Protein backbone atom coordinates (compact mmCIF):
# COMPACT_ATOMS: atom_id res chain seq x y z
CA MET A 1 -28.74 32.90 -29.73
CA LYS A 2 -26.92 29.79 -28.60
CA HIS A 3 -24.89 31.78 -26.09
CA GLY A 4 -28.09 33.30 -24.71
CA LEU A 5 -29.63 29.88 -24.27
CA ASP A 6 -26.54 28.64 -22.42
CA VAL A 7 -26.74 31.62 -20.07
CA TYR A 8 -30.44 30.95 -19.53
CA LYS A 9 -29.67 27.35 -18.55
CA ILE A 10 -27.35 28.60 -15.86
CA ILE A 11 -29.80 31.24 -14.63
CA LEU A 12 -32.76 28.85 -14.60
CA ALA A 13 -30.81 26.10 -12.82
CA SER A 14 -29.70 28.65 -10.20
CA ARG A 15 -33.29 29.84 -9.69
CA TYR A 16 -34.49 26.27 -9.21
CA LEU A 17 -31.72 25.74 -6.68
CA VAL A 18 -32.60 28.86 -4.68
CA LYS A 19 -36.35 29.19 -5.10
CA ARG A 20 -37.47 25.58 -4.75
CA ARG A 21 -37.37 24.71 -1.07
CA ILE A 22 -37.59 21.02 -1.78
CA THR A 23 -34.07 21.21 -3.26
CA TYR A 24 -32.84 22.12 0.21
CA PHE A 25 -34.04 18.68 1.30
CA ALA A 26 -31.92 17.06 -1.42
CA ILE A 27 -28.86 19.12 -0.44
CA VAL A 28 -29.30 18.23 3.24
CA ALA A 29 -29.72 14.54 2.36
CA VAL A 30 -26.53 14.55 0.29
CA ALA A 31 -24.64 16.50 2.98
CA LEU A 32 -25.76 14.09 5.70
CA CYS A 33 -24.74 11.03 3.69
CA VAL A 34 -21.36 12.56 2.84
CA PHE A 35 -20.81 13.56 6.49
CA ILE A 36 -21.49 10.01 7.70
CA VAL A 37 -19.29 8.45 5.02
CA VAL A 38 -16.40 10.85 5.67
CA VAL A 39 -16.42 10.28 9.43
CA VAL A 40 -16.93 6.52 9.44
CA MET A 41 -14.59 5.78 6.54
CA THR A 42 -11.86 7.99 8.01
CA VAL A 43 -12.10 6.26 11.39
CA LEU A 44 -12.36 2.77 9.92
CA THR A 45 -9.60 3.31 7.37
CA GLY A 46 -7.39 4.75 10.11
CA LEU A 47 -7.98 1.76 12.39
CA VAL A 48 -7.24 -0.72 9.61
CA SER A 49 -4.15 1.23 8.52
CA ASP A 50 -2.81 1.44 12.09
CA PHE A 51 -3.44 -2.27 12.59
CA LYS A 52 -1.62 -3.16 9.36
CA GLN A 53 1.32 -0.92 10.28
CA ALA A 54 1.57 -2.58 13.69
CA ASN A 55 1.62 -6.05 12.08
CA HIS A 56 4.14 -4.90 9.49
CA GLY A 57 6.35 -3.43 12.19
CA PHE A 58 6.14 -6.65 14.19
CA THR A 59 7.54 -8.92 11.43
CA GLY A 60 9.43 -6.80 8.92
CA ASP A 61 8.83 -7.15 5.18
CA CYS A 62 9.34 -10.87 4.55
CA VAL A 63 9.39 -14.05 6.62
CA VAL A 64 11.31 -17.20 5.75
CA GLY A 65 10.01 -19.68 8.29
CA THR A 66 8.07 -22.71 9.34
CA GLU A 67 5.06 -23.30 11.59
CA SER A 68 6.70 -26.49 12.85
CA LEU A 69 7.80 -26.28 16.49
CA VAL A 70 11.11 -28.00 15.65
CA GLY A 71 12.30 -25.15 13.41
CA PHE A 72 14.86 -25.55 10.64
CA ALA A 73 18.65 -25.86 10.49
CA TYR A 74 21.38 -24.02 8.56
CA PHE A 75 19.77 -20.66 9.23
CA GLN A 76 23.17 -18.96 9.78
CA GLU A 77 24.24 -19.70 6.22
CA LEU A 78 20.90 -18.61 4.82
CA ALA A 79 20.96 -15.37 6.84
CA GLN A 80 24.47 -14.64 5.62
CA LYS A 81 23.43 -15.14 1.99
CA LEU A 82 20.42 -12.89 2.46
CA GLU A 83 22.49 -10.13 4.06
CA GLN A 84 24.80 -10.17 1.05
CA GLN A 85 21.95 -9.36 -1.34
CA GLU A 86 21.72 -5.76 -2.53
CA TYR A 87 17.95 -5.63 -1.94
CA VAL A 88 18.13 -6.75 1.73
CA GLU A 89 18.75 -4.27 4.53
CA ALA A 90 18.74 -6.59 7.56
CA VAL A 91 17.88 -10.12 8.72
CA SER A 92 16.82 -11.33 12.16
CA PRO A 93 16.66 -15.01 13.28
CA VAL A 94 13.64 -15.78 15.46
CA ILE A 95 12.50 -18.70 17.57
CA LYS A 96 8.75 -18.99 17.98
CA SER A 97 7.35 -21.50 20.44
CA TYR A 98 5.00 -21.97 23.39
CA ALA A 99 5.64 -22.21 27.10
CA PHE A 100 4.09 -22.12 30.54
CA LEU A 101 4.73 -18.95 32.54
CA SER A 102 4.54 -19.11 36.31
CA PRO A 103 5.45 -16.26 38.70
CA VAL A 104 7.68 -17.71 41.42
CA TRP A 105 5.67 -16.17 44.28
CA THR A 106 2.41 -17.89 43.35
CA GLU A 107 1.19 -21.22 42.05
CA ARG A 108 -0.92 -19.59 39.35
CA GLY A 109 0.42 -19.57 35.80
CA ARG A 110 -0.65 -19.38 32.20
CA GLY A 111 0.31 -20.47 28.72
CA VAL A 112 2.25 -17.94 26.65
CA GLN A 113 4.04 -17.65 23.35
CA ILE A 114 7.79 -17.10 23.47
CA LEU A 115 9.85 -15.29 20.87
CA GLY A 116 13.59 -15.77 20.95
CA ILE A 117 15.46 -12.86 19.37
CA GLU A 118 18.74 -10.95 19.24
CA PRO A 119 17.40 -7.51 20.27
CA VAL A 120 19.79 -5.28 18.30
CA ARG A 121 19.52 -7.36 15.16
CA HIS A 122 15.76 -7.72 15.55
CA SER A 123 15.32 -3.95 15.90
CA ARG A 124 16.98 -3.41 12.52
CA VAL A 125 14.19 -5.45 10.93
CA THR A 126 11.17 -4.68 13.11
CA ASN A 127 9.98 -1.90 15.45
CA PHE A 128 10.96 -3.89 18.56
CA GLU A 129 13.06 -1.09 20.06
CA ARG A 130 10.20 1.42 19.74
CA THR A 131 7.87 -0.93 21.65
CA LEU A 132 10.07 -0.96 24.76
CA HIS A 133 9.52 1.34 27.72
CA TYR A 134 12.51 1.17 30.06
CA ARG A 135 15.17 0.29 27.46
CA LYS A 136 13.92 2.38 24.54
CA GLY A 137 17.02 3.83 22.91
CA ASN A 138 19.19 1.24 24.65
CA VAL A 139 17.95 -1.94 23.03
CA ASP A 140 21.23 -3.85 23.44
CA LYS A 141 20.39 -4.08 27.15
CA ALA A 142 16.76 -5.13 26.69
CA PHE A 143 17.40 -8.43 28.49
CA GLU A 144 19.44 -6.90 31.33
CA PRO A 145 17.26 -6.08 34.37
CA VAL A 146 18.07 -2.64 35.73
CA TYR A 147 18.17 -3.95 39.29
CA ASP A 148 20.77 -6.64 38.44
CA PRO A 149 22.27 -6.84 34.92
CA ASN A 150 23.77 -10.24 35.73
CA LEU A 151 20.36 -11.91 36.00
CA PRO A 152 18.80 -13.50 32.88
CA GLY A 153 16.09 -11.12 31.74
CA CYS A 154 12.92 -11.34 29.66
CA VAL A 155 10.66 -8.77 28.00
CA LEU A 156 6.93 -9.21 28.59
CA GLY A 157 3.99 -8.10 26.49
CA ILE A 158 2.68 -5.03 28.27
CA ASP A 159 -0.75 -6.53 29.01
CA LEU A 160 0.93 -9.38 30.89
CA VAL A 161 2.28 -6.82 33.35
CA PHE A 162 -0.03 -3.81 33.53
CA GLU A 163 -3.74 -3.21 33.22
CA ARG A 164 -4.84 -0.78 30.57
CA GLY A 165 -6.50 2.31 32.03
CA PRO A 166 -9.92 3.64 30.99
CA GLU A 167 -8.25 6.26 28.77
CA GLY A 168 -5.99 3.68 27.11
CA ASP A 169 -2.88 4.48 29.13
CA TYR A 170 -0.66 2.44 31.45
CA THR A 171 0.80 3.36 34.80
CA PHE A 172 4.51 2.54 34.86
CA ASP A 173 6.80 2.28 37.86
CA SER A 174 9.99 4.33 37.76
CA SER A 175 11.92 1.11 37.08
CA PRO A 176 10.98 -2.55 36.53
CA ILE A 177 10.07 -4.35 39.71
CA ARG A 178 12.20 -7.37 40.65
CA VAL A 179 10.06 -10.31 39.57
CA GLY A 180 11.22 -13.86 38.87
CA LEU A 181 9.25 -15.75 36.23
CA ALA A 182 9.54 -19.52 35.80
CA ILE A 183 9.27 -20.41 32.11
CA THR A 184 8.69 -24.04 31.17
CA CYS A 185 9.12 -25.47 27.66
CA PHE A 186 8.95 -28.92 26.08
CA PRO A 187 12.23 -29.30 24.12
CA LEU A 188 11.98 -31.20 20.84
CA THR A 189 14.53 -32.89 18.62
CA ALA A 190 14.94 -31.99 14.94
CA LYS A 191 12.52 -34.81 14.10
CA GLY A 192 9.88 -33.66 16.58
CA ALA A 193 10.46 -36.18 19.38
CA LEU A 194 10.74 -35.14 23.02
CA ALA A 195 14.37 -34.25 23.59
CA ARG A 196 14.21 -35.29 27.28
CA ALA A 197 11.91 -38.29 27.06
CA ALA A 198 13.97 -40.31 29.50
CA THR A 199 14.40 -37.53 32.06
CA GLY A 200 12.20 -34.69 33.24
CA LEU A 201 10.54 -34.03 29.86
CA VAL A 202 10.60 -30.24 30.30
CA ASN A 203 13.08 -27.41 30.57
CA THR A 204 12.34 -24.85 33.27
CA LYS A 205 14.33 -21.72 33.98
CA THR A 206 13.69 -18.56 35.95
CA PHE A 207 13.98 -15.28 34.05
CA TYR A 208 13.61 -11.82 35.53
CA PHE A 209 11.36 -9.07 34.31
CA SER A 210 13.48 -6.48 32.49
CA ASP A 211 11.06 -4.52 30.29
CA THR A 212 7.67 -4.39 28.58
CA SER A 213 6.82 -4.41 24.88
CA HIS A 214 3.82 -2.47 23.58
CA THR A 215 3.23 -3.48 19.96
CA GLY A 216 -0.35 -2.18 19.78
CA LEU A 217 -1.55 -5.71 18.94
CA ALA A 218 -3.85 -6.83 21.74
CA ARG A 219 -3.45 -10.58 21.21
CA THR A 220 0.33 -10.19 21.08
CA ASP A 221 0.73 -7.85 24.06
CA ASN A 222 -1.43 -10.20 26.15
CA SER A 223 0.52 -13.40 25.50
CA LEU A 224 4.07 -12.82 24.27
CA VAL A 225 7.34 -13.21 26.17
CA TYR A 226 10.64 -12.25 24.52
CA LEU A 227 13.75 -14.25 25.44
CA PRO A 228 17.37 -14.03 24.26
CA LEU A 229 17.82 -16.19 21.17
CA GLU A 230 20.42 -18.50 22.70
CA GLN A 231 18.32 -19.05 25.83
CA ALA A 232 15.26 -19.80 23.71
CA GLN A 233 17.28 -22.35 21.73
CA LEU A 234 18.29 -24.10 24.93
CA MET A 235 14.77 -24.03 26.32
CA CYS A 236 13.19 -25.40 23.12
CA GLY A 237 15.90 -27.96 22.31
CA MET A 238 17.00 -26.08 19.18
CA ASP A 239 20.66 -25.89 20.23
CA GLY A 240 23.28 -28.51 19.42
CA PRO A 241 25.60 -29.20 16.49
CA ALA A 242 23.00 -27.84 14.01
CA PRO A 243 21.19 -24.98 15.76
CA ARG A 244 17.67 -24.28 14.56
CA VAL A 245 15.28 -21.35 14.46
CA SER A 246 11.64 -20.96 13.51
CA ALA A 247 12.04 -18.08 11.07
CA LEU A 248 14.20 -15.38 9.55
CA TYR A 249 12.57 -11.95 9.48
CA VAL A 250 13.80 -9.89 6.52
CA LYS A 251 13.68 -6.16 5.88
CA PHE A 252 14.14 -4.83 2.36
CA LYS A 253 15.80 -1.59 1.39
CA PRO A 254 13.40 1.36 0.98
CA ASP A 255 13.42 1.36 -2.83
CA VAL A 256 12.55 -2.36 -3.13
CA ALA A 257 8.92 -3.26 -3.85
CA LEU A 258 7.46 -5.78 -1.43
CA GLN A 259 6.46 -8.40 -4.00
CA THR A 260 9.71 -8.04 -5.93
CA GLY A 261 11.75 -8.52 -2.77
CA CYS A 262 9.72 -11.56 -1.71
CA ASP A 263 10.10 -13.12 -5.16
CA ASN A 264 13.87 -12.62 -4.98
CA VAL A 265 14.02 -14.19 -1.51
CA ALA A 266 11.89 -17.14 -2.68
CA SER A 267 14.26 -17.74 -5.59
CA LEU A 268 17.29 -17.55 -3.31
CA TRP A 269 15.60 -19.93 -0.88
CA GLN A 270 14.94 -22.54 -3.59
CA ASN A 271 18.59 -22.45 -4.64
CA PHE A 272 19.71 -22.75 -1.03
CA LYS A 273 17.39 -25.70 -0.40
CA GLN A 274 18.75 -27.53 -3.45
CA GLN A 275 22.31 -26.95 -2.25
CA LYS A 276 21.41 -28.52 1.12
CA ALA A 277 19.50 -31.47 -0.37
CA GLU A 278 22.14 -33.97 0.79
CA ALA A 279 22.82 -32.40 4.18
CA LYS A 280 22.10 -34.30 7.39
CA TYR A 281 19.19 -32.10 8.50
CA ALA A 282 17.83 -31.30 5.02
CA TYR A 283 14.43 -32.71 6.02
CA SER A 284 13.96 -29.77 8.39
CA LEU A 285 13.82 -27.45 5.34
CA ASP A 286 10.79 -29.15 3.78
CA THR A 287 8.20 -27.15 5.74
CA VAL A 288 9.85 -23.76 5.26
CA THR A 289 7.96 -21.16 3.22
CA VAL A 290 8.67 -17.62 2.03
CA GLN A 291 5.88 -15.15 2.72
CA SER A 292 5.39 -11.41 2.69
CA TRP A 293 4.34 -9.88 5.99
CA LYS A 294 0.78 -9.60 4.65
CA GLU A 295 0.61 -13.34 3.97
CA TYR A 296 2.35 -14.26 7.22
CA ARG A 297 -0.01 -12.17 9.35
CA ARG A 298 -3.05 -12.90 7.20
CA GLY A 299 -4.92 -14.57 10.05
CA PHE A 300 -4.76 -11.32 12.02
CA VAL A 301 -5.24 -8.78 9.22
CA ALA A 302 -7.97 -10.60 7.25
CA ALA A 303 -10.67 -10.00 9.87
CA MET A 304 -10.10 -6.23 9.84
CA GLU A 305 -10.06 -6.14 6.04
CA LYS A 306 -13.33 -8.09 5.97
CA GLU A 307 -14.95 -5.57 8.30
CA GLU A 308 -13.70 -2.73 6.10
CA THR A 309 -15.16 -4.40 3.00
CA MET A 310 -18.52 -4.95 4.71
CA MET A 311 -18.61 -1.30 5.76
CA ILE A 312 -17.92 -0.14 2.20
CA VAL A 313 -20.79 -2.34 0.95
CA MET A 314 -23.12 -0.89 3.60
CA PHE A 315 -22.28 2.68 2.58
CA SER A 316 -22.84 1.74 -1.04
CA LEU A 317 -26.40 1.01 0.02
CA VAL A 318 -26.55 4.48 1.59
CA GLY A 319 -25.51 5.85 -1.80
CA ILE A 320 -28.34 3.96 -3.47
CA THR A 321 -30.76 5.51 -0.99
CA THR A 322 -29.43 8.95 -1.93
CA VAL A 323 -30.12 8.17 -5.61
CA PHE A 324 -33.79 7.55 -4.83
CA ILE A 325 -34.03 10.73 -2.73
CA VAL A 326 -32.62 12.82 -5.56
CA PHE A 327 -34.90 11.03 -8.03
CA VAL A 328 -38.02 11.94 -6.02
CA VAL A 329 -36.93 15.54 -5.57
CA PHE A 330 -36.22 16.03 -9.27
CA TYR A 331 -39.41 14.31 -10.29
CA MET A 332 -41.38 16.77 -8.17
CA VAL A 333 -39.41 19.78 -9.43
CA ILE A 334 -39.87 18.82 -13.08
CA SER A 335 -43.58 18.07 -12.62
CA HIS A 336 -44.07 21.62 -11.32
CA LYS A 337 -41.93 23.22 -14.01
CA SER A 338 -43.50 21.73 -17.12
CA LYS A 339 -44.57 25.20 -18.33
CA ASP A 340 -40.96 26.43 -18.16
CA ILE A 341 -39.93 23.44 -20.20
CA GLY A 342 -42.70 24.15 -22.72
CA VAL A 343 -41.57 27.78 -23.11
CA LEU A 344 -37.97 26.74 -23.67
CA LYS A 345 -38.94 24.16 -26.25
CA SER A 346 -41.19 26.64 -28.05
CA ILE A 347 -38.25 28.97 -28.66
CA GLY A 348 -36.13 26.15 -30.08
CA VAL A 349 -34.29 24.62 -27.11
CA SER A 350 -33.34 21.03 -27.94
CA ASN A 351 -33.95 17.93 -25.86
CA ALA A 352 -30.22 17.73 -25.15
CA ASN A 353 -30.22 21.27 -23.75
CA ILE A 354 -33.21 20.48 -21.52
CA MET A 355 -31.33 17.48 -20.13
CA GLN A 356 -28.22 19.64 -19.65
CA LEU A 357 -30.31 22.16 -17.73
CA PHE A 358 -31.55 19.64 -15.19
CA MET A 359 -28.29 17.68 -15.05
CA GLY A 360 -26.55 20.96 -14.26
CA PHE A 361 -29.14 21.45 -11.53
CA ALA A 362 -28.32 17.97 -10.22
CA PHE A 363 -24.60 18.73 -10.34
CA SER A 364 -25.17 21.86 -8.25
CA VAL A 365 -27.15 19.89 -5.65
CA GLY A 366 -24.47 17.21 -5.48
CA PHE A 367 -21.60 19.69 -5.33
CA LEU A 368 -23.14 21.88 -2.61
CA GLY A 369 -24.27 18.89 -0.55
CA SER A 370 -20.90 17.16 -0.76
CA VAL A 371 -18.96 20.33 0.09
CA ILE A 372 -21.15 20.96 3.14
CA GLY A 373 -20.87 17.31 4.20
CA VAL A 374 -17.09 17.24 3.76
CA LEU A 375 -16.60 20.46 5.75
CA LEU A 376 -18.83 19.26 8.59
CA GLY A 377 -17.11 15.87 8.60
CA TRP A 378 -13.66 17.47 8.64
CA LEU A 379 -14.59 19.78 11.53
CA PHE A 380 -16.11 16.89 13.47
CA LEU A 381 -13.02 14.73 12.97
CA LEU A 382 -10.78 17.53 14.24
CA LYS A 383 -12.76 17.67 17.48
CA MET A 384 -13.80 14.03 17.72
CA ASN A 385 -11.30 12.91 20.35
CA GLN A 386 -12.06 16.01 22.43
CA ILE A 387 -15.78 15.29 22.14
CA GLU A 388 -15.27 11.67 23.21
CA GLY A 389 -13.08 12.83 26.11
CA TRP A 390 -15.81 15.21 27.26
CA LEU A 391 -18.49 12.51 26.96
CA PHE A 392 -16.34 10.12 28.98
CA GLU A 393 -15.67 12.73 31.65
CA LYS A 394 -19.33 13.77 31.96
CA PHE A 395 -21.22 10.56 31.20
CA GLY A 396 -18.65 7.74 31.19
CA PHE A 397 -19.29 7.06 27.47
CA GLN A 398 -16.54 5.77 25.15
CA LEU A 399 -16.89 4.69 21.56
CA TRP A 400 -14.41 1.91 22.33
CA ASP A 401 -13.67 0.72 25.85
CA ARG A 402 -9.91 1.32 26.15
CA THR A 403 -9.58 -1.36 28.84
CA ILE A 404 -10.64 -3.93 26.20
CA TYR A 405 -9.51 -2.55 22.84
CA ALA A 406 -5.90 -1.62 22.06
CA ILE A 407 -6.88 1.82 20.77
CA GLY A 408 -5.45 5.16 21.85
CA ASP A 409 -6.83 8.21 20.10
CA ILE A 410 -9.53 7.54 17.52
CA PRO A 411 -7.97 7.95 14.05
CA SER A 412 -8.99 11.34 12.68
CA ARG A 413 -6.41 12.05 9.98
CA VAL A 414 -8.28 13.17 6.89
CA GLU A 415 -6.89 11.95 3.58
CA PHE A 416 -7.34 14.42 0.71
CA GLN A 417 -7.69 11.56 -1.77
CA VAL A 418 -10.54 10.06 0.26
CA LEU A 419 -12.37 13.40 0.40
CA VAL A 420 -12.07 13.86 -3.36
CA THR A 421 -13.33 10.32 -3.97
CA ILE A 422 -16.34 10.80 -1.67
CA THR A 423 -17.16 14.20 -3.23
CA LEU A 424 -17.03 12.84 -6.77
CA SER A 425 -19.11 9.82 -5.73
CA ALA A 426 -21.76 12.11 -4.24
CA ILE A 427 -21.95 14.19 -7.43
CA VAL A 428 -22.19 11.07 -9.61
CA THR A 429 -24.94 9.75 -7.31
CA CYS A 430 -26.96 12.94 -7.78
CA LEU A 431 -26.50 12.81 -11.55
CA MET A 432 -27.73 9.21 -11.55
CA GLY A 433 -30.78 10.16 -9.49
CA ALA A 434 -31.63 13.01 -11.85
CA LEU A 435 -31.03 11.11 -15.09
CA VAL A 436 -34.52 9.59 -15.54
CA PRO A 437 -36.50 12.75 -14.55
CA SER A 438 -34.28 14.85 -16.84
CA TRP A 439 -34.89 12.46 -19.72
CA GLN A 440 -38.65 12.63 -19.09
CA ALA A 441 -38.47 16.43 -19.04
CA ALA A 442 -36.67 16.44 -22.39
CA ARG A 443 -39.42 14.29 -23.91
CA LEU A 444 -42.27 16.62 -22.89
CA SER A 445 -44.23 18.09 -25.80
CA PRO A 446 -44.43 21.93 -25.80
CA VAL A 447 -47.97 21.75 -27.24
CA GLU A 448 -49.19 19.78 -24.23
CA THR A 449 -47.35 21.82 -21.62
CA LEU A 450 -48.56 25.17 -23.07
CA HIS A 451 -52.15 24.12 -23.80
CA VAL A 452 -54.46 26.98 -22.81
CA SER A 453 -56.53 24.79 -20.54
CA ARG A 454 -53.40 24.08 -18.49
CA LEU A 455 -52.24 27.70 -18.21
């Protein structure tokens, strides 16, 4: 008998699913919500992930540095100690400062950020080599202009040189054009005073355009100039008997967890600082901190993470709307099927089995709707960039203006884990929407539902 009742629950739930047209409305509503969530979350998650990867590739795993423009001394010893650690793969000294950039053929100029690096060493820690265009695969010559290797070269953020096309691409010349760029810095002493207070105050030198760097970070590509480390030290006044840098970028070995590596570096740094407590330039170490790349680039990454959080909250509200839609649909179905419920109860079906019947019905609605929504979302994502390309070609429409945003193709990689999470969430949402109507159905009295005046 029990087995027969279980079979009847399946048959009856299937009949409700097929015969009641209003259930199609619930399935379509679930499918539409799932489709929207799959597409938007895939695109948004892809954008945030790409942005984080670009920031991670720009700095490496860990940064030992200071925001002070005077930098800190004894970095060679610290770098050597770090490179001797079994958890460290590579270390790159970096000078970070600000300058005025002026093309020699015009009086116009602009403020820029300069980054002094050793290109080979820096590429072991970051993705610097992969950002180059003309010297990609030959990073040791990044600062040697093709037209004259004897000239002092500089690498410019790509948006300082070229304009981004409407499709997100750049038009490169066959080789870098011969351009002289006057770079002006205010050199500072280790204590922050002007190093040339009694003379011309500034250091100015002409560097020649040797290559571009495309990091994928709009604010960086629009304002950053790379210089050789030694030249940057001279320009910023960080040379001398105790050379200084702004930071050491550190890359951990692949099997080292980020937080574990950063904790180890922080411990090493504290020991190193204590050892240098009596040194002449020990005061320059006071402002140095140890941060993971996430903490160091927090000001850039936090805004994207906030937008992602807000979007998740908004789609949670969409899920709540779906709950109410399912609730209304099930309330109407149950109100029209009270006689069926009365018949089942009259032959001994328990309240729990009645609830199982309608919760199984709800599961079917959620499962079918989510599967349809996931399939449609997946197909749309596969063709999304082609669709946008066609819209741009025919109507000039772009989801993001590539001349403004540093976006190439719209992220469309579907993560299986995300699809499973969305599908399960849709099913749970349907079960929540059907819970109250199912409970009400279970409480119906068979005497009332089968009363002759109601038949």
